[in-house]
PDB file of N, CA and C in Angstrom:
ATOM      1  N   UNK A   1     104.989  90.459  94.917  1.00  0.00           N
ATOM      2  CA  UNK A   1     104.488  91.290  93.834  1.00  0.00           C
ATOM      3  C   UNK A   1     103.231  92.055  94.267  1.00  0.00           C
ATOM      4  N   UNK A   2     102.363  91.393  94.999  1.00  0.00           N
ATOM      5  CA  UNK A   2     101.110  92.029  95.405  1.00  0.00           C
ATOM      6  C   UNK A   2     101.372  93.186  96.367  1.00  0.00           C
ATOM      7  N   UNK A   3     102.349  93.035  97.250  1.00  0.00           N
ATOM      8  CA  UNK A   3     102.634  94.121  98.191  1.00  0.00           C
ATOM      9  C   UNK A   3     103.201  95.341  97.471  1.00  0.00           C
ATOM     10  N   UNK A   4     103.976  95.100  96.416  1.00  0.00           N
ATOM     11  CA  UNK A   4     104.528  96.208  95.638  1.00  0.00           C
ATOM     12  C   UNK A   4     103.408  97.008  94.976  1.00  0.00           C
ATOM     13  N   UNK A   5     102.411  96.305  94.428  1.00  0.00           N
ATOM     14  CA  UNK A   5     101.270  96.978  93.803  1.00  0.00           C
ATOM     15  C   UNK A   5     100.453  97.740  94.845  1.00  0.00           C
ATOM     16  N   UNK A   6     100.293  97.152  96.048  1.00  0.00           N
ATOM     17  CA  UNK A   6      99.564  97.834  97.107  1.00  0.00           C
ATOM     18  C   UNK A   6     100.281  99.110  97.533  1.00  0.00           C
ATOM     19  N   UNK A   7     101.618  99.066  97.592  1.00  0.00           N
ATOM     20  CA  UNK A   7     102.384 100.255  97.955  1.00  0.00           C
ATOM     21  C   UNK A   7     102.230 101.348  96.904  1.00  0.00           C
ATOM     22  N   UNK A   8     102.212 100.961  95.628  1.00  0.00           N
ATOM     23  CA  UNK A   8     102.014 101.949  94.561  1.00  0.00           C
ATOM     24  C   UNK A   8     100.634 102.586  94.666  1.00  0.00           C
ATOM     25  N   UNK A   9      99.621 101.769  94.927  1.00  0.00           N
ATOM     26  CA  UNK A   9      98.257 102.290  95.062  1.00  0.00           C
ATOM     27  C   UNK A   9      98.170 103.239  96.252  1.00  0.00           C
ATOM     28  N   UNK A  10      98.823 102.897  97.358  1.00  0.00           N
ATOM     29  CA  UNK A  10      98.815 103.774  98.534  1.00  0.00           C
ATOM     30  C   UNK A  10      99.514 105.091  98.221  1.00  0.00           C
ATOM     31  N   UNK A  11     100.603 105.047  97.476  1.00  0.00           N
ATOM     32  CA  UNK A  11     101.313 106.267  97.100  1.00  0.00           C
ATOM     33  C   UNK A  11     100.444 107.149  96.215  1.00  0.00           C
ATOM     34  N   UNK A  12      99.707 106.544  95.274  1.00  0.00           N
ATOM     35  CA  UNK A  12      98.808 107.328  94.416  1.00  0.00           C
ATOM     36  C   UNK A  12      97.712 107.995  95.241  1.00  0.00           C
ATOM     37  N   UNK A  13      97.182 107.268  96.229  1.00  0.00           N
ATOM     38  CA  UNK A  13      96.142 107.849  97.091  1.00  0.00           C
ATOM     39  C   UNK A  13      96.684 109.036  97.870  1.00  0.00           C
ATOM     40  N   UNK A  14      97.911 108.946  98.360  1.00  0.00           N
ATOM     41  CA  UNK A  14      98.518 110.051  99.107  1.00  0.00           C
ATOM     42  C   UNK A  14      98.696 111.283  98.223  1.00  0.00           C
ATOM     43  N   UNK A  15      99.110 111.062  96.974  1.00  0.00           N
ATOM     44  CA  UNK A  15      99.287 112.182  96.046  1.00  0.00           C
ATOM     45  C   UNK A  15      97.947 112.853  95.782  1.00  0.00           C
ATOM     46  N   UNK A  16      96.900 112.050  95.546  1.00  0.00           N
ATOM     47  CA  UNK A  16      95.566 112.607  95.306  1.00  0.00           C
ATOM     48  C   UNK A  16      95.067 113.374  96.521  1.00  0.00           C
ATOM     49  N   UNK A  17      95.340 112.832  97.715  1.00  0.00           N
ATOM     50  CA  UNK A  17      94.887 113.465  98.943  1.00  0.00           C
ATOM     51  C   UNK A  17      95.573 114.821  99.135  1.00  0.00           C
ATOM     52  N   UNK A  18      96.848 114.901  98.789  1.00  0.00           N
ATOM     53  CA  UNK A  18      97.589 116.151  98.925  1.00  0.00           C
ATOM     54  C   UNK A  18      97.030 117.224  97.994  1.00  0.00           C
ATOM     55  N   UNK A  19      96.517 116.819  96.847  1.00  0.00           N
ATOM     56  CA  UNK A  19      95.991 117.783  95.889  1.00  0.00           C
ATOM     57  C   UNK A  19      94.638 118.328  96.328  1.00  0.00           C
ATOM     58  N   UNK A  20      93.838 117.541  96.963  1.00  0.00           N
ATOM     59  CA  UNK A  20      92.510 117.985  97.378  1.00  0.00           C
ATOM     60  C   UNK A  20      91.466 117.584  96.355  1.00  0.00           C
ATOM     61  N   UNK A  21      90.204 117.735  96.703  1.00  0.00           N
ATOM     62  CA  UNK A  21      89.139 117.354  95.765  1.00  0.00           C
ATOM     63  C   UNK A  21      89.147 118.279  94.555  1.00  0.00           C
ATOM     64  N   UNK A  22      89.007 117.701  93.392  1.00  0.00           N
ATOM     65  CA  UNK A  22      89.071 118.499  92.174  1.00  0.00           C
ATOM     66  C   UNK A  22      88.174 117.883  91.105  1.00  0.00           C
ATOM     67  N   UNK A  23      87.941 118.657  90.070  1.00  0.00           N
ATOM     68  CA  UNK A  23      87.181 118.196  88.910  1.00  0.00           C
ATOM     69  C   UNK A  23      87.608 119.041  87.717  1.00  0.00           C
ATOM     70  N   UNK A  24      87.438 118.481  86.525  1.00  0.00           N
ATOM     71  CA  UNK A  24      87.805 119.237  85.325  1.00  0.00           C
ATOM     72  C   UNK A  24      86.756 119.033  84.246  1.00  0.00           C
ATOM     73  N   UNK A  25      86.623 120.032  83.419  1.00  0.00           N
ATOM     74  CA  UNK A  25      85.677 120.032  82.312  1.00  0.00           C
ATOM     75  C   UNK A  25      86.460 120.386  81.058  1.00  0.00           C
ATOM     76  N   UNK A  26      86.389 119.522  80.052  1.00  0.00           N
ATOM     77  CA  UNK A  26      87.176 119.757  78.848  1.00  0.00           C
ATOM     78  C   UNK A  26      86.274 119.943  77.641  1.00  0.00           C
ATOM     79  N   UNK A  27      86.791 120.662  76.653  1.00  0.00           N
ATOM     80  CA  UNK A  27      86.139 120.901  75.372  1.00  0.00           C
ATOM     81  C   UNK A  27      84.777 121.568  75.513  1.00  0.00           C
ATOM     82  N   UNK A  28      84.676 122.511  76.457  1.00  0.00           N
ATOM     83  CA  UNK A  28      83.450 123.297  76.607  1.00  0.00           C
ATOM     84  C   UNK A  28      83.391 124.322  75.484  1.00  0.00           C
ATOM     85  N   UNK A  29      82.276 124.410  74.784  1.00  0.00           N
ATOM     86  CA  UNK A  29      82.163 125.279  73.613  1.00  0.00           C
ATOM     87  C   UNK A  29      81.845 126.725  74.014  1.00  0.00           C
ATOM     88  N   UNK A  30      82.719 127.299  74.836  1.00  0.00           N
ATOM     89  CA  UNK A  30      82.672 128.702  75.220  1.00  0.00           C
ATOM     90  C   UNK A  30      84.100 129.216  75.107  1.00  0.00           C
ATOM     91  N   UNK A  31      84.267 130.421  74.613  1.00  0.00           N
ATOM     92  CA  UNK A  31      85.632 130.930  74.460  1.00  0.00           C
ATOM     93  C   UNK A  31      86.269 131.120  75.837  1.00  0.00           C
ATOM     94  N   UNK A  32      87.570 130.857  75.960  1.00  0.00           N
ATOM     95  CA  UNK A  32      88.237 130.990  77.253  1.00  0.00           C
ATOM     96  C   UNK A  32      88.166 132.410  77.816  1.00  0.00           C
ATOM     97  N   UNK A  33      88.172 133.391  76.953  1.00  0.00           N
ATOM     98  CA  UNK A  33      88.110 134.778  77.407  1.00  0.00           C
ATOM     99  C   UNK A  33      86.795 135.049  78.143  1.00  0.00           C
ATOM    100  N   UNK A  34      85.699 134.523  77.615  1.00  0.00           N
ATOM    101  CA  UNK A  34      84.398 134.724  78.256  1.00  0.00           C
ATOM    102  C   UNK A  34      84.269 133.865  79.512  1.00  0.00           C
ATOM    103  N   UNK A  35      84.851 132.669  79.481  1.00  0.00           N
ATOM    104  CA  UNK A  35      84.779 131.785  80.642  1.00  0.00           C
ATOM    105  C   UNK A  35      85.569 132.350  81.814  1.00  0.00           C
ATOM    106  N   UNK A  36      86.693 133.003  81.522  1.00  0.00           N
ATOM    107  CA  UNK A  36      87.526 133.560  82.595  1.00  0.00           C
ATOM    108  C   UNK A  36      86.808 134.656  83.371  1.00  0.00           C
ATOM    109  N   UNK A  37      85.906 135.395  82.715  1.00  0.00           N
ATOM    110  CA  UNK A  37      85.145 136.433  83.409  1.00  0.00           C
ATOM    111  C   UNK A  37      84.344 135.839  84.564  1.00  0.00           C
ATOM    112  N   UNK A  38      83.706 134.702  84.308  1.00  0.00           N
ATOM    113  CA  UNK A  38      82.863 134.073  85.325  1.00  0.00           C
ATOM    114  C   UNK A  38      83.717 133.354  86.361  1.00  0.00           C
ATOM    115  N   UNK A  39      84.771 132.685  85.914  1.00  0.00           N
ATOM    116  CA  UNK A  39      85.634 131.946  86.844  1.00  0.00           C
ATOM    117  C   UNK A  39      86.326 132.912  87.805  1.00  0.00           C
ATOM    118  N   UNK A  40      86.745 134.066  87.314  1.00  0.00           N
ATOM    119  CA  UNK A  40      87.366 135.064  88.183  1.00  0.00           C
ATOM    120  C   UNK A  40      86.393 135.565  89.252  1.00  0.00           C
ATOM    121  N   UNK A  41      85.111 135.566  88.912  1.00  0.00           N
ATOM    122  CA  UNK A  41      84.084 136.036  89.836  1.00  0.00           C
ATOM    123  C   UNK A  41      83.924 135.083  91.031  1.00  0.00           C
ATOM    124  N   UNK A  42      84.106 133.766  90.824  1.00  0.00           N
ATOM    125  CA  UNK A  42      83.842 132.795  91.895  1.00  0.00           C
ATOM    126  C   UNK A  42      85.104 132.252  92.558  1.00  0.00           C
ATOM    127  N   UNK A  43      86.275 132.511  91.995  1.00  0.00           N
ATOM    128  CA  UNK A  43      87.521 131.979  92.575  1.00  0.00           C
ATOM    129  C   UNK A  43      87.728 132.526  93.984  1.00  0.00           C
ATOM    130  N   UNK A  44      88.042 131.643  94.926  1.00  0.00           N
ATOM    131  CA  UNK A  44      88.296 132.047  96.311  1.00  0.00           C
ATOM    132  C   UNK A  44      87.051 132.115  97.175  1.00  0.00           C
ATOM    133  N   UNK A  45      85.883 131.956  96.600  1.00  0.00           N
ATOM    134  CA  UNK A  45      84.634 132.042  97.357  1.00  0.00           C
ATOM    135  C   UNK A  45      84.288 130.672  97.966  1.00  0.00           C
ATOM    136  N   UNK A  46      83.439 130.678  98.993  1.00  0.00           N
ATOM    137  CA  UNK A  46      82.905 129.426  99.523  1.00  0.00           C
ATOM    138  C   UNK A  46      82.048 128.765  98.449  1.00  0.00           C
ATOM    139  N   UNK A  47      81.930 127.450  98.522  1.00  0.00           N
ATOM    140  CA  UNK A  47      81.215 126.699  97.492  1.00  0.00           C
ATOM    141  C   UNK A  47      79.761 127.155  97.396  1.00  0.00           C
ATOM    142  N   UNK A  48      79.115 127.312  98.540  1.00  0.00           N
ATOM    143  CA  UNK A  48      77.705 127.710  98.531  1.00  0.00           C
ATOM    144  C   UNK A  48      77.523 129.101  97.917  1.00  0.00           C
ATOM    145  N   UNK A  49      78.393 130.021  98.269  1.00  0.00           N
ATOM    146  CA  UNK A  49      78.321 131.373  97.726  1.00  0.00           C
ATOM    147  C   UNK A  49      78.590 131.371  96.218  1.00  0.00           C
ATOM    148  N   UNK A  50      79.558 130.578  95.786  1.00  0.00           N
ATOM    149  CA  UNK A  50      79.876 130.487  94.355  1.00  0.00           C
ATOM    150  C   UNK A  50      78.699 129.937  93.568  1.00  0.00           C
ATOM    151  N   UNK A  51      78.055 128.901  94.101  1.00  0.00           N
ATOM    152  CA  UNK A  51      76.895 128.320  93.396  1.00  0.00           C
ATOM    153  C   UNK A  51      75.743 129.322  93.331  1.00  0.00           C
ATOM    154  N   UNK A  52      75.558 130.120  94.383  1.00  0.00           N
ATOM    155  CA  UNK A  52      74.510 131.149  94.356  1.00  0.00           C
ATOM    156  C   UNK A  52      74.817 132.211  93.299  1.00  0.00           C
ATOM    157  N   UNK A  53      76.069 132.635  93.214  1.00  0.00           N
ATOM    158  CA  UNK A  53      76.450 133.611  92.193  1.00  0.00           C
ATOM    159  C   UNK A  53      76.204 133.064  90.789  1.00  0.00           C
ATOM    160  N   UNK A  54      76.561 131.810  90.576  1.00  0.00           N
ATOM    161  CA  UNK A  54      76.403 131.208  89.253  1.00  0.00           C
ATOM    162  C   UNK A  54      74.933 131.011  88.887  1.00  0.00           C
ATOM    163  N   UNK A  55      74.107 130.748  89.880  1.00  0.00           N
ATOM    164  CA  UNK A  55      72.679 130.541  89.613  1.00  0.00           C
ATOM    165  C   UNK A  55      72.052 131.792  89.000  1.00  0.00           C
ATOM    166  N   UNK A  56      72.478 132.963  89.471  1.00  0.00           N
ATOM    167  CA  UNK A  56      71.864 134.208  89.006  1.00  0.00           C
ATOM    168  C   UNK A  56      72.701 134.965  87.983  1.00  0.00           C
ATOM    169  N   UNK A  57      73.756 134.341  87.495  1.00  0.00           N
ATOM    170  CA  UNK A  57      74.587 134.975  86.474  1.00  0.00           C
ATOM    171  C   UNK A  57      73.990 134.705  85.092  1.00  0.00           C
ATOM    172  N   UNK A  58      73.913 135.713  84.233  1.00  0.00           N
ATOM    173  CA  UNK A  58      73.317 135.515  82.906  1.00  0.00           C
ATOM    174  C   UNK A  58      74.274 134.895  81.885  1.00  0.00           C
ATOM    175  N   UNK A  59      75.524 134.672  82.240  1.00  0.00           N
ATOM    176  CA  UNK A  59      76.521 134.157  81.296  1.00  0.00           C
ATOM    177  C   UNK A  59      76.256 132.692  80.968  1.00  0.00           C
ATOM    178  N   UNK A  60      76.603 132.297  79.745  1.00  0.00           N
ATOM    179  CA  UNK A  60      76.345 130.927  79.280  1.00  0.00           C
ATOM    180  C   UNK A  60      77.193 129.901  80.018  1.00  0.00           C
ATOM    181  N   UNK A  61      78.372 130.299  80.468  1.00  0.00           N
ATOM    182  CA  UNK A  61      79.279 129.347  81.120  1.00  0.00           C
ATOM    183  C   UNK A  61      78.869 129.070  82.569  1.00  0.00           C
ATOM    184  N   UNK A  62      77.921 129.809  83.102  1.00  0.00           N
ATOM    185  CA  UNK A  62      77.528 129.668  84.497  1.00  0.00           C
ATOM    186  C   UNK A  62      76.970 128.284  84.810  1.00  0.00           C
ATOM    187  N   UNK A  63      76.130 127.759  83.937  1.00  0.00           N
ATOM    188  CA  UNK A  63      75.513 126.456  84.188  1.00  0.00           C
ATOM    189  C   UNK A  63      76.541 125.322  84.189  1.00  0.00           C
ATOM    190  N   UNK A  64      77.393 125.192  83.147  1.00  0.00           N
ATOM    191  CA  UNK A  64      78.388 124.113  83.205  1.00  0.00           C
ATOM    192  C   UNK A  64      79.394 124.279  84.343  1.00  0.00           C
ATOM    193  N   UNK A  65      79.734 125.515  84.712  1.00  0.00           N
ATOM    194  CA  UNK A  65      80.668 125.741  85.808  1.00  0.00           C
ATOM    195  C   UNK A  65      80.048 125.328  87.140  1.00  0.00           C
ATOM    196  N   UNK A  66      78.765 125.615  87.313  1.00  0.00           N
ATOM    197  CA  UNK A  66      78.067 125.172  88.520  1.00  0.00           C
ATOM    198  C   UNK A  66      78.041 123.660  88.634  1.00  0.00           C
ATOM    199  N   UNK A  67      77.817 122.996  87.499  1.00  0.00           N
ATOM    200  CA  UNK A  67      77.838 121.534  87.480  1.00  0.00           C
ATOM    201  C   UNK A  67      79.217 120.999  87.848  1.00  0.00           C
ATOM    202  N   UNK A  68      80.247 121.671  87.356  1.00  0.00           N
ATOM    203  CA  UNK A  68      81.625 121.265  87.639  1.00  0.00           C
ATOM    204  C   UNK A  68      81.933 121.407  89.125  1.00  0.00           C
ATOM    205  N   UNK A  69      81.501 122.489  89.739  1.00  0.00           N
ATOM    206  CA  UNK A  69      81.747 122.701  91.167  1.00  0.00           C
ATOM    207  C   UNK A  69      81.001 121.653  91.986  1.00  0.00           C
ATOM    208  N   UNK A  70      79.758 121.354  91.601  1.00  0.00           N
ATOM    209  CA  UNK A  70      79.007 120.307  92.304  1.00  0.00           C
ATOM    210  C   UNK A  70      79.689 118.946  92.168  1.00  0.00           C
ATOM    211  N   UNK A  71      80.314 118.702  91.012  1.00  0.00           N
ATOM    212  CA  UNK A  71      81.054 117.457  90.821  1.00  0.00           C
ATOM    213  C   UNK A  71      82.259 117.384  91.748  1.00  0.00           C
ATOM    214  N   UNK A  72      82.975 118.500  91.904  1.00  0.00           N
ATOM    215  CA  UNK A  72      84.125 118.530  92.813  1.00  0.00           C
ATOM    216  C   UNK A  72      83.677 118.311  94.262  1.00  0.00           C
ATOM    217  N   UNK A  73      82.522 118.875  94.634  1.00  0.00           N
ATOM    218  CA  UNK A  73      81.992 118.669  95.988  1.00  0.00           C
ATOM    219  C   UNK A  73      81.623 117.196  96.184  1.00  0.00           C
ATOM    220  N   UNK A  74      81.042 116.579  95.168  1.00  0.00           N
ATOM    221  CA  UNK A  74      80.703 115.152  95.244  1.00  0.00           C
ATOM    222  C   UNK A  74      81.970 114.311  95.383  1.00  0.00           C
ATOM    223  N   UNK A  75      83.042 114.705  94.690  1.00  0.00           N
ATOM    224  CA  UNK A  75      84.314 114.000  94.825  1.00  0.00           C
ATOM    225  C   UNK A  75      84.857 114.129  96.248  1.00  0.00           C
ATOM    226  N   UNK A  76      84.690 115.296  96.859  1.00  0.00           N
ATOM    227  CA  UNK A  76      85.120 115.491  98.244  1.00  0.00           C
ATOM    228  C   UNK A  76      84.278 114.641  99.181  1.00  0.00           C
ATOM    229  N   UNK A  77      82.988 114.513  98.886  1.00  0.00           N
ATOM    230  CA  UNK A  77      82.089 113.706  99.706  1.00  0.00           C
ATOM    231  C   UNK A  77      82.478 112.237  99.631  1.00  0.00           C
ATOM    232  N   UNK A  78      82.828 111.762  98.454  1.00  0.00           N
ATOM    233  CA  UNK A  78      83.229 110.363  98.278  1.00  0.00           C
ATOM    234  C   UNK A  78      84.542 110.096  98.998  1.00  0.00           C
ATOM    235  N   UNK A  79      85.473 111.049  98.950  1.00  0.00           N
ATOM    236  CA  UNK A  79      86.751 110.885  99.645  1.00  0.00           C
ATOM    237  C   UNK A  79      86.520 110.775 101.152  1.00  0.00           C
ATOM    238  N   UNK A  80      85.540 111.512 101.668  1.00  0.00           N
ATOM    239  CA  UNK A  80      85.142 111.384 103.058  1.00  0.00           C
ATOM    240  C   UNK A  80      86.022 112.087 104.070  1.00  0.00           C
ATOM    241  N   UNK A  81      87.077 112.735 103.654  1.00  0.00           N
ATOM    242  CA  UNK A  81      88.000 113.378 104.587  1.00  0.00           C
ATOM    243  C   UNK A  81      87.718 114.859 104.776  1.00  0.00           C
ATOM    244  N   UNK A  82      86.666 115.373 104.163  1.00  0.00           N
ATOM    245  CA  UNK A  82      86.451 116.819 104.129  1.00  0.00           C
ATOM    246  C   UNK A  82      85.119 117.186 104.757  1.00  0.00           C
ATOM    247  N   UNK A  83      85.092 118.354 105.422  1.00  0.00           N
ATOM    248  CA  UNK A  83      83.854 118.936 105.926  1.00  0.00           C
ATOM    249  C   UNK A  83      83.264 119.767 104.786  1.00  0.00           C
ATOM    250  N   UNK A  84      82.145 119.345 104.244  1.00  0.00           N
ATOM    251  CA  UNK A  84      81.581 119.964 103.039  1.00  0.00           C
ATOM    252  C   UNK A  84      81.158 121.415 103.265  1.00  0.00           C
ATOM    253  N   UNK A  85      80.868 121.782 104.509  1.00  0.00           N
ATOM    254  CA  UNK A  85      80.442 123.158 104.793  1.00  0.00           C
ATOM    255  C   UNK A  85      81.610 124.140 104.792  1.00  0.00           C
ATOM    256  N   UNK A  86      82.848 123.638 104.907  1.00  0.00           N
ATOM    257  CA  UNK A  86      84.017 124.514 104.969  1.00  0.00           C
ATOM    258  C   UNK A  86      84.767 124.600 103.645  1.00  0.00           C
ATOM    259  N   UNK A  87      84.251 123.974 102.597  1.00  0.00           N
ATOM    260  CA  UNK A  87      84.965 123.957 101.318  1.00  0.00           C
ATOM    261  C   UNK A  87      84.869 125.297 100.597  1.00  0.00           C
ATOM    262  N   UNK A  88      85.959 125.655  99.937  1.00  0.00           N
ATOM    263  CA  UNK A  88      85.980 126.846  99.096  1.00  0.00           C
ATOM    264  C   UNK A  88      86.770 126.542  97.828  1.00  0.00           C
ATOM    265  N   UNK A  89      86.645 127.406  96.828  1.00  0.00           N
ATOM    266  CA  UNK A  89      87.354 127.210  95.568  1.00  0.00           C
ATOM    267  C   UNK A  89      88.783 127.714  95.710  1.00  0.00           C
ATOM    268  N   UNK A  90      89.704 126.786  95.905  1.00  0.00           N
ATOM    269  CA  UNK A  90      91.107 127.157  96.086  1.00  0.00           C
ATOM    270  C   UNK A  90      91.695 127.639  94.774  1.00  0.00           C
ATOM    271  N   UNK A  91      91.542 126.846  93.724  1.00  0.00           N
ATOM    272  CA  UNK A  91      92.013 127.257  92.403  1.00  0.00           C
ATOM    273  C   UNK A  91      90.936 126.957  91.374  1.00  0.00           C
ATOM    274  N   UNK A  92      90.831 127.830  90.416  1.00  0.00           N
ATOM    275  CA  UNK A  92      89.944 127.637  89.272  1.00  0.00           C
ATOM    276  C   UNK A  92      90.680 128.213  88.068  1.00  0.00           C
ATOM    277  N   UNK A  93      90.934 127.365  87.081  1.00  0.00           N
ATOM    278  CA  UNK A  93      91.766 127.749  85.949  1.00  0.00           C
ATOM    279  C   UNK A  93      91.020 127.477  84.654  1.00  0.00           C
ATOM    280  N   UNK A  94      91.108 128.419  83.725  1.00  0.00           N
ATOM    281  CA  UNK A  94      90.542 128.235  82.392  1.00  0.00           C
ATOM    282  C   UNK A  94      91.688 128.216  81.396  1.00  0.00           C
ATOM    283  N   UNK A  95      91.837 127.113  80.698  1.00  0.00           N
ATOM    284  CA  UNK A  95      92.846 126.988  79.648  1.00  0.00           C
ATOM    285  C   UNK A  95      92.150 126.925  78.301  1.00  0.00           C
ATOM    286  N   UNK A  96      92.890 127.283  77.268  1.00  0.00           N
ATOM    287  CA  UNK A  96      92.334 127.251  75.922  1.00  0.00           C
ATOM    288  C   UNK A  96      92.394 125.840  75.366  1.00  0.00           C
ATOM    289  N   UNK A  97      91.269 125.369  74.839  1.00  0.00           N
ATOM    290  CA  UNK A  97      91.217 124.072  74.194  1.00  0.00           C
ATOM    291  C   UNK A  97      91.434 124.234  72.696  1.00  0.00           C
ATOM    292  N   UNK A  98      91.237 123.164  71.947  1.00  0.00           N
ATOM    293  CA  UNK A  98      91.404 123.264  70.497  1.00  0.00           C
ATOM    294  C   UNK A  98      90.341 124.171  69.881  1.00  0.00           C
ATOM    295  N   UNK A  99      90.707 124.833  68.802  1.00  0.00           N
ATOM    296  CA  UNK A  99      89.787 125.721  68.095  1.00  0.00           C
ATOM    297  C   UNK A  99      89.254 125.022  66.861  1.00  0.00           C
ATOM    298  N   UNK A 100      87.935 125.021  66.713  1.00  0.00           N
ATOM    299  CA  UNK A 100      87.323 124.454  65.512  1.00  0.00           C
ATOM    300  C   UNK A 100      87.299 125.541  64.450  1.00  0.00           C
ATOM    301  N   UNK A 101      87.795 125.239  63.263  1.00  0.00           N
ATOM    302  CA  UNK A 101      87.833 126.239  62.192  1.00  0.00           C
ATOM    303  C   UNK A 101      86.752 125.937  61.171  1.00  0.00           C
ATOM    304  N   UNK A 102      85.964 126.961  60.857  1.00  0.00           N
ATOM    305  CA  UNK A 102      84.901 126.843  59.864  1.00  0.00           C
ATOM    306  C   UNK A 102      85.068 127.990  58.872  1.00  0.00           C
ATOM    307  N   UNK A 103      84.401 127.898  57.738  1.00  0.00           N
ATOM    308  CA  UNK A 103      84.510 128.920  56.700  1.00  0.00           C
ATOM    309  C   UNK A 103      83.142 129.504  56.400  1.00  0.00           C
ATOM    310  N   UNK A 104      83.105 130.813  56.231  1.00  0.00           N
ATOM    311  CA  UNK A 104      81.872 131.531  55.911  1.00  0.00           C
ATOM    312  C   UNK A 104      82.035 132.156  54.529  1.00  0.00           C
ATOM    313  N   UNK A 105      81.171 131.800  53.581  1.00  0.00           N
ATOM    314  CA  UNK A 105      81.281 132.408  52.251  1.00  0.00           C
ATOM    315  C   UNK A 105      80.994 133.908  52.305  1.00  0.00           C
ATOM    316  N   UNK A 106      81.772 134.678  51.540  1.00  0.00           N
ATOM    317  CA  UNK A 106      81.605 136.123  51.484  1.00  0.00           C
ATOM    318  C   UNK A 106      81.450 136.559  50.031  1.00  0.00           C
ATOM    319  N   UNK A 107      81.389 137.850  49.845  1.00  0.00           N
ATOM    320  CA  UNK A 107      81.151 138.396  48.510  1.00  0.00           C
ATOM    321  C   UNK A 107      82.336 138.120  47.579  1.00  0.00           C
ATOM    322  N   UNK A 108      82.060 138.059  46.297  1.00  0.00           N
ATOM    323  CA  UNK A 108      83.039 137.936  45.217  1.00  0.00           C
ATOM    324  C   UNK A 108      83.927 136.697  45.368  1.00  0.00           C
ATOM    325  N   UNK A 109      83.340 135.600  45.833  1.00  0.00           N
ATOM    326  CA  UNK A 109      84.067 134.335  45.887  1.00  0.00           C
ATOM    327  C   UNK A 109      85.042 134.190  47.025  1.00  0.00           C
ATOM    328  N   UNK A 110      85.038 135.114  47.936  1.00  0.00           N
ATOM    329  CA  UNK A 110      85.958 135.031  49.065  1.00  0.00           C
ATOM    330  C   UNK A 110      85.343 134.206  50.193  1.00  0.00           C
ATOM    331  N   UNK A 111      86.164 133.894  51.187  1.00  0.00           N
ATOM    332  CA  UNK A 111      85.690 133.174  52.374  1.00  0.00           C
ATOM    333  C   UNK A 111      86.400 133.744  53.598  1.00  0.00           C
ATOM    334  N   UNK A 112      85.681 133.751  54.712  1.00  0.00           N
ATOM    335  CA  UNK A 112      86.227 134.246  55.970  1.00  0.00           C
ATOM    336  C   UNK A 112      86.269 133.097  56.963  1.00  0.00           C
ATOM    337  N   UNK A 113      87.348 133.030  57.705  1.00  0.00           N
ATOM    338  CA  UNK A 113      87.485 131.975  58.703  1.00  0.00           C
ATOM    339  C   UNK A 113      86.657 132.310  59.940  1.00  0.00           C
ATOM    340  N   UNK A 114      85.940 131.308  60.459  1.00  0.00           N
ATOM    341  CA  UNK A 114      85.229 131.424  61.724  1.00  0.00           C
ATOM    342  C   UNK A 114      85.957 130.523  62.714  1.00  0.00           C
ATOM    343  N   UNK A 115      86.349 131.062  63.850  1.00  0.00           N
ATOM    344  CA  UNK A 115      87.034 130.274  64.862  1.00  0.00           C
ATOM    345  C   UNK A 115      86.078 129.995  66.015  1.00  0.00           C
ATOM    346  N   UNK A 116      85.731 128.736  66.204  1.00  0.00           N
ATOM    347  CA  UNK A 116      84.874 128.329  67.318  1.00  0.00           C
ATOM    348  C   UNK A 116      85.792 127.823  68.423  1.00  0.00           C
ATOM    349  N   UNK A 117      85.962 128.642  69.438  1.00  0.00           N
ATOM    350  CA  UNK A 117      86.938 128.340  70.475  1.00  0.00           C
ATOM    351  C   UNK A 117      86.348 127.431  71.554  1.00  0.00           C
ATOM    352  N   UNK A 118      87.221 126.653  72.198  1.00  0.00           N
ATOM    353  CA  UNK A 118      86.804 125.777  73.287  1.00  0.00           C
ATOM    354  C   UNK A 118      87.657 126.059  74.516  1.00  0.00           C
ATOM    355  N   UNK A 119      87.160 125.609  75.664  1.00  0.00           N
ATOM    356  CA  UNK A 119      87.836 125.850  76.942  1.00  0.00           C
ATOM    357  C   UNK A 119      87.998 124.562  77.719  1.00  0.00           C
ATOM    358  N   UNK A 120      89.068 124.509  78.508  1.00  0.00           N
ATOM    359  CA  UNK A 120      89.263 123.452  79.500  1.00  0.00           C
ATOM    360  C   UNK A 120      89.257 124.161  80.855  1.00  0.00           C
ATOM    361  N   UNK A 121      88.351 123.740  81.748  1.00  0.00           N
ATOM    362  CA  UNK A 121      88.231 124.375  83.058  1.00  0.00           C
ATOM    363  C   UNK A 121      88.576 123.350  84.134  1.00  0.00           C
ATOM    364  N   UNK A 122      89.423 123.745  85.085  1.00  0.00           N
ATOM    365  CA  UNK A 122      89.803 122.888  86.208  1.00  0.00           C
ATOM    366  C   UNK A 122      89.507 123.621  87.516  1.00  0.00           C
ATOM    367  N   UNK A 123      88.951 122.870  88.462  1.00  0.00           N
ATOM    368  CA  UNK A 123      88.585 123.447  89.757  1.00  0.00           C
ATOM    369  C   UNK A 123      89.166 122.566  90.855  1.00  0.00           C
ATOM    370  N   UNK A 124      89.773 123.192  91.860  1.00  0.00           N
ATOM    371  CA  UNK A 124      90.263 122.468  93.031  1.00  0.00           C
ATOM    372  C   UNK A 124      89.686 123.113  94.275  1.00  0.00           C
ATOM    373  N   UNK A 125      89.217 122.278  95.192  1.00  0.00           N
ATOM    374  CA  UNK A 125      88.621 122.761  96.436  1.00  0.00           C
ATOM    375  C   UNK A 125      89.578 122.543  97.600  1.00  0.00           C
ATOM    376  N   UNK A 126      89.381 123.282  98.660  1.00  0.00           N
ATOM    377  CA  UNK A 126      90.137 123.100  99.905  1.00  0.00           C
ATOM    378  C   UNK A 126      89.242 123.493 101.072  1.00  0.00           C
ATOM    379  N   UNK A 127      89.662 123.105 102.267  1.00  0.00           N
ATOM    380  CA  UNK A 127      88.907 123.431 103.478  1.00  0.00           C
ATOM    381  C   UNK A 127      89.433 124.720 104.091  1.00  0.00           C
ATOM    382  N   UNK A 128      88.526 125.559 104.557  1.00  0.00           N
ATOM    383  CA  UNK A 128      88.924 126.750 105.306  1.00  0.00           C
ATOM    384  C   UNK A 128      89.278 126.318 106.723  1.00  0.00           C
ATOM    385  N   UNK A 129      90.280 126.951 107.288  1.00  0.00           N
ATOM    386  CA  UNK A 129      90.723 126.581 108.645  1.00  0.00           C
ATOM    387  C   UNK A 129      89.910 127.278 109.705  1.00  0.00           C
TER     388      UNK A 129
END
């Protein structure tokens, strides 16, 4: 029984290794449309260059995205199989999260819906050859 569990654990490690170092951020209170502007700017860039771009970007999503990229780099460091100087953003995806609905009172007893949108951001790193 123990060898079967060890084989399953080894198979899971191989699958994770094939995917590469990654990190995800969920339920970020920024609309996906605005987040995609910044993510498109850094996709495909080296990690150091992407972090420099995010440091000087005035967009609100820049700070959490920088934290997410640093988390993915830390995951690569823990895995130990990667040269941290050669890492780049292989994929960066922004998906729409759940929308919080609120109501704003208006004139003559009416109400208008306010949609507070959220984003799920996923980042995967890879080594340049």
